[in-house]
Structures are given as structure tokens and as C-alpha cells.
Amino acid sequence: MFNKIVLSMASLRVLSGTLEICAAIWMLRLNQIDKALAVNASLALVGPIILITTTTVGLVGMSDKLSFGKIVWIVAGVACLLTGILKK
């Protein structure tokens, strides 16, 4: 059927999307700007965590096909992405 690594990565993304939709519904139910902003701020933590976890799962699945140098470049790229996203 499906590769276990790909299934894990897709499941993490489905979980992330489900959390986003639930948060949007929760914001609508709260119907207050300050509380909706707090919900949105909590989502800012979830995105990078899902990104790191999904990338890690994918790298573990490909570790036998990648050289150490390529893994270092990938980790550096993810670090650059997170720095750009999270730096204020």
C-alpha cells in the first residue's frame, strides 16, 4: 500500500490542517479579537513544530540514500527557514 514514512508525513500534515481548521472554528465561537489573537499565537508554535517533525521523518526515511554532507545542507536549509519565519 503506502510507504510508512510517507504515510507518517502525510498524517502529520493532516493533523496540522485539522488543528488549523479547529482553531478557526474556535476563533469564530469566541468572537473576541483578543481571544482570537491568543488562539492564532498558539498556532504559530504548531507550524514550525510540524515542519521540523515532518522533515525529520522524511530525512530518517532517506538517511540510507543521503550522504552526511547532504544531510548537513538540508538541516542548514531548515534552520534558515525557521530563522526567517521566527525572527522578529
PDB file of N, CA and C in Angstrom:
ATOM      1  N   MET A   1       0.838  -1.191   0.000  1.00  0.00           N
ATOM      2  CA  MET A   1       0.000   0.000   0.000  1.00  0.00           C
ATOM      3  C   MET A   1       0.881   1.252   0.000  1.00  0.00           C
ATOM      4  N   PHE A   2       0.870   2.002   1.114  1.00  0.00           N
ATOM      5  CA  PHE A   2       1.644   3.228   1.221  1.00  0.00           C
ATOM      6  C   PHE A   2       2.939   2.964   1.970  1.00  0.00           C
ATOM      7  N   ASN A   3       3.952   3.712   1.605  1.00  0.00           N
ATOM      8  CA  ASN A   3       5.203   3.688   2.338  1.00  0.00           C
ATOM      9  C   ASN A   3       4.937   4.250   3.740  1.00  0.00           C
ATOM     10  N   LYS A   4       5.490   3.606   4.774  1.00  0.00           N
ATOM     11  CA  LYS A   4       5.225   4.032   6.155  1.00  0.00           C
ATOM     12  C   LYS A   4       5.714   5.447   6.423  1.00  0.00           C
ATOM     13  N   ILE A   5       6.846   5.801   5.840  1.00  0.00           N
ATOM     14  CA  ILE A   5       7.394   7.143   6.055  1.00  0.00           C
ATOM     15  C   ILE A   5       6.476   8.192   5.426  1.00  0.00           C
ATOM     16  N   VAL A   6       6.055   7.944   4.200  1.00  0.00           N
ATOM     17  CA  VAL A   6       5.163   8.881   3.504  1.00  0.00           C
ATOM     18  C   VAL A   6       3.831   8.984   4.248  1.00  0.00           C
ATOM     19  N   LEU A   7       3.310   7.871   4.716  1.00  0.00           N
ATOM     20  CA  LEU A   7       2.064   7.873   5.472  1.00  0.00           C
ATOM     21  C   LEU A   7       2.210   8.689   6.763  1.00  0.00           C
ATOM     22  N   SER A   8       3.355   8.548   7.434  1.00  0.00           N
ATOM     23  CA  SER A   8       3.608   9.325   8.655  1.00  0.00           C
ATOM     24  C   SER A   8       3.666  10.813   8.349  1.00  0.00           C
ATOM     25  N   MET A   9       4.377  11.171   7.287  1.00  0.00           N
ATOM     26  CA  MET A   9       4.490  12.582   6.916  1.00  0.00           C
ATOM     27  C   MET A   9       3.121  13.161   6.557  1.00  0.00           C
ATOM     28  N   ALA A  10       2.352  12.430   5.777  1.00  0.00           N
ATOM     29  CA  ALA A  10       1.023  12.898   5.385  1.00  0.00           C
ATOM     30  C   ALA A  10       0.104  13.008   6.601  1.00  0.00           C
ATOM     31  N   SER A  11       0.212  12.069   7.517  1.00  0.00           N
ATOM     32  CA  SER A  11      -0.616  12.106   8.730  1.00  0.00           C
ATOM     33  C   SER A  11      -0.310  13.339   9.574  1.00  0.00           C
ATOM     34  N   LEU A  12       0.968  13.694   9.668  1.00  0.00           N
ATOM     35  CA  LEU A  12       1.335  14.897  10.413  1.00  0.00           C
ATOM     36  C   LEU A  12       0.738  16.142   9.763  1.00  0.00           C
ATOM     37  N   ARG A  13       0.741  16.181   8.441  1.00  0.00           N
ATOM     38  CA  ARG A  13       0.164  17.327   7.733  1.00  0.00           C
ATOM     39  C   ARG A  13      -1.356  17.372   7.886  1.00  0.00           C
ATOM     40  N   VAL A  14      -2.002  16.224   7.886  1.00  0.00           N
ATOM     41  CA  VAL A  14      -3.455  16.178   8.116  1.00  0.00           C
ATOM     42  C   VAL A  14      -3.761  16.662   9.533  1.00  0.00           C
ATOM     43  N   LEU A  15      -2.951  16.222  10.506  1.00  0.00           N
ATOM     44  CA  LEU A  15      -3.120  16.684  11.885  1.00  0.00           C
ATOM     45  C   LEU A  15      -2.970  18.200  11.959  1.00  0.00           C
ATOM     46  N   SER A  16      -1.961  18.733  11.302  1.00  0.00           N
ATOM     47  CA  SER A  16      -1.728  20.174  11.295  1.00  0.00           C
ATOM     48  C   SER A  16      -2.921  20.917  10.683  1.00  0.00           C
ATOM     49  N   GLY A  17      -3.404  20.427   9.567  1.00  0.00           N
ATOM     50  CA  GLY A  17      -4.554  21.055   8.915  1.00  0.00           C
ATOM     51  C   GLY A  17      -5.805  20.999   9.774  1.00  0.00           C
ATOM     52  N   THR A  18      -5.999  19.877  10.442  1.00  0.00           N
ATOM     53  CA  THR A  18      -7.150  19.726  11.337  1.00  0.00           C
ATOM     54  C   THR A  18      -7.071  20.719  12.491  1.00  0.00           C
ATOM     55  N   LEU A  19      -5.864  20.885  13.045  1.00  0.00           N
ATOM     56  CA  LEU A  19      -5.688  21.865  14.122  1.00  0.00           C
ATOM     57  C   LEU A  19      -5.985  23.285  13.635  1.00  0.00           C
ATOM     58  N   GLU A  20      -5.569  23.595  12.418  1.00  0.00           N
ATOM     59  CA  GLU A  20      -5.826  24.923  11.844  1.00  0.00           C
ATOM     60  C   GLU A  20      -7.328  25.160  11.692  1.00  0.00           C
ATOM     61  N   ILE A  21      -8.042  24.173  11.182  1.00  0.00           N
ATOM     62  CA  ILE A  21      -9.483  24.324  10.988  1.00  0.00           C
ATOM     63  C   ILE A  21     -10.199  24.439  12.333  1.00  0.00           C
ATOM     64  N   CYS A  22      -9.807  23.610  13.291  1.00  0.00           N
ATOM     65  CA  CYS A  22     -10.417  23.683  14.629  1.00  0.00           C
ATOM     66  C   CYS A  22     -10.152  25.043  15.270  1.00  0.00           C
ATOM     67  N   ALA A  23      -8.939  25.566  15.090  1.00  0.00           N
ATOM     68  CA  ALA A  23      -8.608  26.879  15.654  1.00  0.00           C
ATOM     69  C   ALA A  23      -9.469  27.971  15.011  1.00  0.00           C
ATOM     70  N   ALA A  24      -9.681  27.877  13.705  1.00  0.00           N
ATOM     71  CA  ALA A  24     -10.516  28.871  13.026  1.00  0.00           C
ATOM     72  C   ALA A  24     -11.951  28.830  13.560  1.00  0.00           C
ATOM     73  N   ILE A  25     -12.469  27.639  13.748  1.00  0.00           N
ATOM     74  CA  ILE A  25     -13.832  27.496  14.292  1.00  0.00           C
ATOM     75  C   ILE A  25     -13.885  28.043  15.716  1.00  0.00           C
ATOM     76  N   TRP A  26     -12.843  27.753  16.491  1.00  0.00           N
ATOM     77  CA  TRP A  26     -12.777  28.234  17.870  1.00  0.00           C
ATOM     78  C   TRP A  26     -12.742  29.762  17.902  1.00  0.00           C
ATOM     79  N   MET A  27     -11.979  30.374  16.983  1.00  0.00           N
ATOM     80  CA  MET A  27     -11.930  31.841  16.903  1.00  0.00           C
ATOM     81  C   MET A  27     -13.321  32.404  16.638  1.00  0.00           C
ATOM     82  N   LEU A  28     -14.032  31.769  15.711  1.00  0.00           N
ATOM     83  CA  LEU A  28     -15.386  32.238  15.403  1.00  0.00           C
ATOM     84  C   LEU A  28     -16.314  32.106  16.605  1.00  0.00           C
ATOM     85  N   ARG A  29     -16.178  31.018  17.325  1.00  0.00           N
ATOM     86  CA  ARG A  29     -17.039  30.815  18.506  1.00  0.00           C
ATOM     87  C   ARG A  29     -16.706  31.795  19.623  1.00  0.00           C
ATOM     88  N   LEU A  30     -15.411  32.115  19.797  1.00  0.00           N
ATOM     89  CA  LEU A  30     -15.012  33.070  20.831  1.00  0.00           C
ATOM     90  C   LEU A  30     -15.515  34.469  20.506  1.00  0.00           C
ATOM     91  N   ASN A  31     -15.445  34.836  19.233  1.00  0.00           N
ATOM     92  CA  ASN A  31     -15.980  36.103  18.734  1.00  0.00           C
ATOM     93  C   ASN A  31     -15.421  37.327  19.458  1.00  0.00           C
ATOM     94  N   GLN A  32     -14.157  37.232  19.882  1.00  0.00           N
ATOM     95  CA  GLN A  32     -13.478  38.360  20.522  1.00  0.00           C
ATOM     96  C   GLN A  32     -12.068  38.450  19.945  1.00  0.00           C
ATOM     97  N   ILE A  33     -11.674  39.673  19.582  1.00  0.00           N
ATOM     98  CA  ILE A  33     -10.389  39.848  18.917  1.00  0.00           C
ATOM     99  C   ILE A  33      -9.231  39.382  19.782  1.00  0.00           C
ATOM    100  N   ASP A  34      -9.215  39.751  21.061  1.00  0.00           N
ATOM    101  CA  ASP A  34      -8.084  39.393  21.919  1.00  0.00           C
ATOM    102  C   ASP A  34      -7.946  37.880  22.100  1.00  0.00           C
ATOM    103  N   LYS A  35      -9.060  37.204  22.242  1.00  0.00           N
ATOM    104  CA  LYS A  35      -9.013  35.751  22.400  1.00  0.00           C
ATOM    105  C   LYS A  35      -8.650  35.062  21.085  1.00  0.00           C
ATOM    106  N   ALA A  36      -9.158  35.568  19.971  1.00  0.00           N
ATOM    107  CA  ALA A  36      -8.815  35.014  18.659  1.00  0.00           C
ATOM    108  C   ALA A  36      -7.329  35.204  18.377  1.00  0.00           C
ATOM    109  N   LEU A  37      -6.775  36.323  18.813  1.00  0.00           N
ATOM    110  CA  LEU A  37      -5.353  36.579  18.645  1.00  0.00           C
ATOM    111  C   LEU A  37      -4.527  35.597  19.471  1.00  0.00           C
ATOM    112  N   ALA A  38      -5.002  35.256  20.663  1.00  0.00           N
ATOM    113  CA  ALA A  38      -4.303  34.276  21.503  1.00  0.00           C
ATOM    114  C   ALA A  38      -4.320  32.898  20.848  1.00  0.00           C
ATOM    115  N   VAL A  39      -5.446  32.527  20.254  1.00  0.00           N
ATOM    116  CA  VAL A  39      -5.535  31.241  19.549  1.00  0.00           C
ATOM    117  C   VAL A  39      -4.577  31.240  18.364  1.00  0.00           C
ATOM    118  N   ASN A  40      -4.548  32.342  17.634  1.00  0.00           N
ATOM    119  CA  ASN A  40      -3.659  32.467  16.487  1.00  0.00           C
ATOM    120  C   ASN A  40      -2.192  32.378  16.910  1.00  0.00           C
ATOM    121  N   ALA A  41      -1.854  32.983  18.025  1.00  0.00           N
ATOM    122  CA  ALA A  41      -0.475  32.934  18.521  1.00  0.00           C
ATOM    123  C   ALA A  41      -0.062  31.506  18.876  1.00  0.00           C
ATOM    124  N   SER A  42      -0.987  30.741  19.414  1.00  0.00           N
ATOM    125  CA  SER A  42      -0.661  29.351  19.740  1.00  0.00           C
ATOM    126  C   SER A  42      -0.419  28.531  18.475  1.00  0.00           C
ATOM    127  N   LEU A  43      -1.093  28.888  17.391  1.00  0.00           N
ATOM    128  CA  LEU A  43      -0.864  28.205  16.117  1.00  0.00           C
ATOM    129  C   LEU A  43       0.525  28.500  15.562  1.00  0.00           C
ATOM    130  N   ALA A  44       1.076  29.640  15.925  1.00  0.00           N
ATOM    131  CA  ALA A  44       2.416  29.997  15.452  1.00  0.00           C
ATOM    132  C   ALA A  44       3.462  29.010  15.978  1.00  0.00           C
ATOM    133  N   LEU A  45       3.171  28.346  17.068  1.00  0.00           N
ATOM    134  CA  LEU A  45       4.084  27.324  17.604  1.00  0.00           C
ATOM    135  C   LEU A  45       3.911  25.995  16.888  1.00  0.00           C
ATOM    136  N   VAL A  46       2.691  25.700  16.499  1.00  0.00           N
ATOM    137  CA  VAL A  46       2.394  24.403  15.897  1.00  0.00           C
ATOM    138  C   VAL A  46       3.042  24.258  14.517  1.00  0.00           C
ATOM    139  N   GLY A  47       2.989  25.305  13.699  1.00  0.00           N
ATOM    140  CA  GLY A  47       3.521  25.244  12.338  1.00  0.00           C
ATOM    141  C   GLY A  47       4.979  24.810  12.260  1.00  0.00           C
ATOM    142  N   PRO A  48       5.883  25.501  12.962  1.00  0.00           N
ATOM    143  CA  PRO A  48       7.288  25.093  12.913  1.00  0.00           C
ATOM    144  C   PRO A  48       7.542  23.701  13.499  1.00  0.00           C
ATOM    145  N   ILE A  49       6.787  23.334  14.520  1.00  0.00           N
ATOM    146  CA  ILE A  49       6.954  22.003  15.110  1.00  0.00           C
ATOM    147  C   ILE A  49       6.583  20.925  14.092  1.00  0.00           C
ATOM    148  N   ILE A  50       5.473  21.136  13.379  1.00  0.00           N
ATOM    149  CA  ILE A  50       5.060  20.180  12.343  1.00  0.00           C
ATOM    150  C   ILE A  50       6.097  20.151  11.222  1.00  0.00           C
ATOM    151  N   LEU A  51       6.606  21.321  10.821  1.00  0.00           N
ATOM    152  CA  LEU A  51       7.627  21.392   9.769  1.00  0.00           C
ATOM    153  C   LEU A  51       8.865  20.591  10.163  1.00  0.00           C
ATOM    154  N   ILE A  52       9.343  20.810  11.364  1.00  0.00           N
ATOM    155  CA  ILE A  52      10.551  20.105  11.825  1.00  0.00           C
ATOM    156  C   ILE A  52      10.297  18.605  11.922  1.00  0.00           C
ATOM    157  N   THR A  53       9.165  18.228  12.480  1.00  0.00           N
ATOM    158  CA  THR A  53       8.858  16.809  12.655  1.00  0.00           C
ATOM    159  C   THR A  53       8.703  16.104  11.311  1.00  0.00           C
ATOM    160  N   THR A  54       7.969  16.725  10.393  1.00  0.00           N
ATOM    161  CA  THR A  54       7.765  16.123   9.077  1.00  0.00           C
ATOM    162  C   THR A  54       9.094  15.992   8.327  1.00  0.00           C
ATOM    163  N   THR A  55       9.917  17.025   8.389  1.00  0.00           N
ATOM    164  CA  THR A  55      11.225  16.988   7.734  1.00  0.00           C
ATOM    165  C   THR A  55      12.109  15.917   8.356  1.00  0.00           C
ATOM    166  N   THR A  56      12.081  15.807   9.668  1.00  0.00           N
ATOM    167  CA  THR A  56      12.879  14.792  10.359  1.00  0.00           C
ATOM    168  C   THR A  56      12.461  13.389   9.951  1.00  0.00           C
ATOM    169  N   VAL A  57      11.156  13.146   9.901  1.00  0.00           N
ATOM    170  CA  VAL A  57      10.656  11.826   9.491  1.00  0.00           C
ATOM    171  C   VAL A  57      11.119  11.511   8.066  1.00  0.00           C
ATOM    172  N   GLY A  58      11.012  12.507   7.186  1.00  0.00           N
ATOM    173  CA  GLY A  58      11.447  12.310   5.802  1.00  0.00           C
ATOM    174  C   GLY A  58      12.942  12.046   5.706  1.00  0.00           C
ATOM    175  N   LEU A  59      13.731  12.781   6.470  1.00  0.00           N
ATOM    176  CA  LEU A  59      15.181  12.580   6.451  1.00  0.00           C
ATOM    177  C   LEU A  59      15.579  11.222   7.012  1.00  0.00           C
ATOM    178  N   VAL A  60      14.897  10.797   8.048  1.00  0.00           N
ATOM    179  CA  VAL A  60      15.172   9.463   8.603  1.00  0.00           C
ATOM    180  C   VAL A  60      14.865   8.400   7.553  1.00  0.00           C
ATOM    181  N   GLY A  61      13.779   8.595   6.830  1.00  0.00           N
ATOM    182  CA  GLY A  61      13.411   7.643   5.776  1.00  0.00           C
ATOM    183  C   GLY A  61      14.395   7.615   4.623  1.00  0.00           C
ATOM    184  N   MET A  62      15.070   8.736   4.380  1.00  0.00           N
ATOM    185  CA  MET A  62      16.027   8.814   3.274  1.00  0.00           C
ATOM    186  C   MET A  62      17.482   8.700   3.733  1.00  0.00           C
ATOM    187  N   SER A  63      17.698   8.508   5.008  1.00  0.00           N
ATOM    188  CA  SER A  63      19.064   8.564   5.543  1.00  0.00           C
ATOM    189  C   SER A  63      20.016   7.573   4.875  1.00  0.00           C
ATOM    190  N   ASP A  64      19.514   6.450   4.433  1.00  0.00           N
ATOM    191  CA  ASP A  64      20.388   5.476   3.775  1.00  0.00           C
ATOM    192  C   ASP A  64      20.774   5.911   2.363  1.00  0.00           C
ATOM    193  N   LYS A  65      20.028   6.873   1.789  1.00  0.00           N
ATOM    194  CA  LYS A  65      20.297   7.332   0.427  1.00  0.00           C
ATOM    195  C   LYS A  65      21.064   8.651   0.382  1.00  0.00           C
ATOM    196  N   LEU A  66      21.225   9.320   1.523  1.00  0.00           N
ATOM    197  CA  LEU A  66      21.876  10.624   1.564  1.00  0.00           C
ATOM    198  C   LEU A  66      23.238  10.542   2.240  1.00  0.00           C
ATOM    199  N   SER A  67      24.172  11.304   1.719  1.00  0.00           N
ATOM    200  CA  SER A  67      25.470  11.391   2.372  1.00  0.00           C
ATOM    201  C   SER A  67      25.354  12.341   3.563  1.00  0.00           C
ATOM    202  N   PHE A  68      26.341  12.285   4.442  1.00  0.00           N
ATOM    203  CA  PHE A  68      26.341  13.152   5.618  1.00  0.00           C
ATOM    204  C   PHE A  68      26.348  14.620   5.190  1.00  0.00           C
ATOM    205  N   GLY A  69      27.098  14.935   4.157  1.00  0.00           N
ATOM    206  CA  GLY A  69      27.174  16.312   3.672  1.00  0.00           C
ATOM    207  C   GLY A  69      25.832  16.839   3.211  1.00  0.00           C
ATOM    208  N   LYS A  70      25.071  16.016   2.508  1.00  0.00           N
ATOM    209  CA  LYS A  70      23.752  16.439   2.045  1.00  0.00           C
ATOM    210  C   LYS A  70      22.797  16.650   3.223  1.00  0.00           C
ATOM    211  N   ILE A  71      22.887  15.797   4.222  1.00  0.00           N
ATOM    212  CA  ILE A  71      22.038  15.959   5.405  1.00  0.00           C
ATOM    213  C   ILE A  71      22.360  17.267   6.112  1.00  0.00           C
ATOM    214  N   VAL A  72      23.648  17.606   6.196  1.00  0.00           N
ATOM    215  CA  VAL A  72      24.052  18.874   6.812  1.00  0.00           C
ATOM    216  C   VAL A  72      23.451  20.052   6.038  1.00  0.00           C
ATOM    217  N   TRP A  73      23.487  20.007   4.702  1.00  0.00           N
ATOM    218  CA  TRP A  73      22.908  21.077   3.892  1.00  0.00           C
ATOM    219  C   TRP A  73      21.395  21.191   4.118  1.00  0.00           C
ATOM    220  N   ILE A  74      20.723  20.071   4.230  1.00  0.00           N
ATOM    221  CA  ILE A  74      19.279  20.085   4.457  1.00  0.00           C
ATOM    222  C   ILE A  74      18.957  20.681   5.826  1.00  0.00           C
ATOM    223  N   VAL A  75      19.698  20.264   6.844  1.00  0.00           N
ATOM    224  CA  VAL A  75      19.492  20.804   8.195  1.00  0.00           C
ATOM    225  C   VAL A  75      19.764  22.304   8.206  1.00  0.00           C
ATOM    226  N   ALA A  76      20.810  22.739   7.502  1.00  0.00           N
ATOM    227  CA  ALA A  76      21.118  24.173   7.423  1.00  0.00           C
ATOM    228  C   ALA A  76      19.983  24.926   6.725  1.00  0.00           C
ATOM    229  N   GLY A  77      19.420  24.346   5.693  1.00  0.00           N
ATOM    230  CA  GLY A  77      18.301  24.970   4.991  1.00  0.00           C
ATOM    231  C   GLY A  77      17.072  25.117   5.871  1.00  0.00           C
ATOM    232  N   VAL A  78      16.765  24.084   6.623  1.00  0.00           N
ATOM    233  CA  VAL A  78      15.622  24.149   7.541  1.00  0.00           C
ATOM    234  C   VAL A  78      15.885  25.196   8.620  1.00  0.00           C
ATOM    235  N   ALA A  79      17.118  25.255   9.113  1.00  0.00           N
ATOM    236  CA  ALA A  79      17.472  26.265  10.115  1.00  0.00           C
ATOM    237  C   ALA A  79      17.287  27.673   9.554  1.00  0.00           C
ATOM    238  N   CYS A  80      17.687  27.884   8.312  1.00  0.00           N
ATOM    239  CA  CYS A  80      17.498  29.189   7.658  1.00  0.00           C
ATOM    240  C   CYS A  80      16.008  29.522   7.532  1.00  0.00           C
ATOM    241  N   LEU A  81      15.206  28.545   7.135  1.00  0.00           N
ATOM    242  CA  LEU A  81      13.762  28.758   7.026  1.00  0.00           C
ATOM    243  C   LEU A  81      13.168  29.166   8.373  1.00  0.00           C
ATOM    244  N   LEU A  82      13.505  28.435   9.406  1.00  0.00           N
ATOM    245  CA  LEU A  82      12.962  28.733  10.734  1.00  0.00           C
ATOM    246  C   LEU A  82      13.436  30.088  11.239  1.00  0.00           C
ATOM    247  N   THR A  83      14.692  30.437  10.957  1.00  0.00           N
ATOM    248  CA  THR A  83      15.195  31.747  11.362  1.00  0.00           C
ATOM    249  C   THR A  83      14.415  32.847  10.658  1.00  0.00           C
ATOM    250  N   GLY A  84      14.181  32.670   9.379  1.00  0.00           N
ATOM    251  CA  GLY A  84      13.411  33.664   8.617  1.00  0.00           C
ATOM    252  C   GLY A  84      11.971  33.765   9.063  1.00  0.00           C
ATOM    253  N   ILE A  85      11.392  32.661   9.451  1.00  0.00           N
ATOM    254  CA  ILE A  85       9.990  32.653   9.855  1.00  0.00           C
ATOM    255  C   ILE A  85       9.820  33.204  11.269  1.00  0.00           C
ATOM    256  N   LEU A  86      10.695  32.785  12.179  1.00  0.00           N
ATOM    257  CA  LEU A  86      10.509  33.107  13.585  1.00  0.00           C
ATOM    258  C   LEU A  86      11.210  34.385  14.042  1.00  0.00           C
ATOM    259  N   LYS A  87      12.150  34.889  13.263  1.00  0.00           N
ATOM    260  CA  LYS A  87      12.885  36.097  13.659  1.00  0.00           C
ATOM    261  C   LYS A  87      11.981  37.309  13.529  1.00  0.00           C
ATOM    262  N   LYS A  88      11.971  38.127  14.572  1.00  0.00           N
ATOM    263  CA  LYS A  88      11.106  39.315  14.560  1.00  0.00           C
ATOM    264  C   LYS A  88      11.883  40.568  14.361  1.00  0.00           C
TER     265      LYS A  88
END
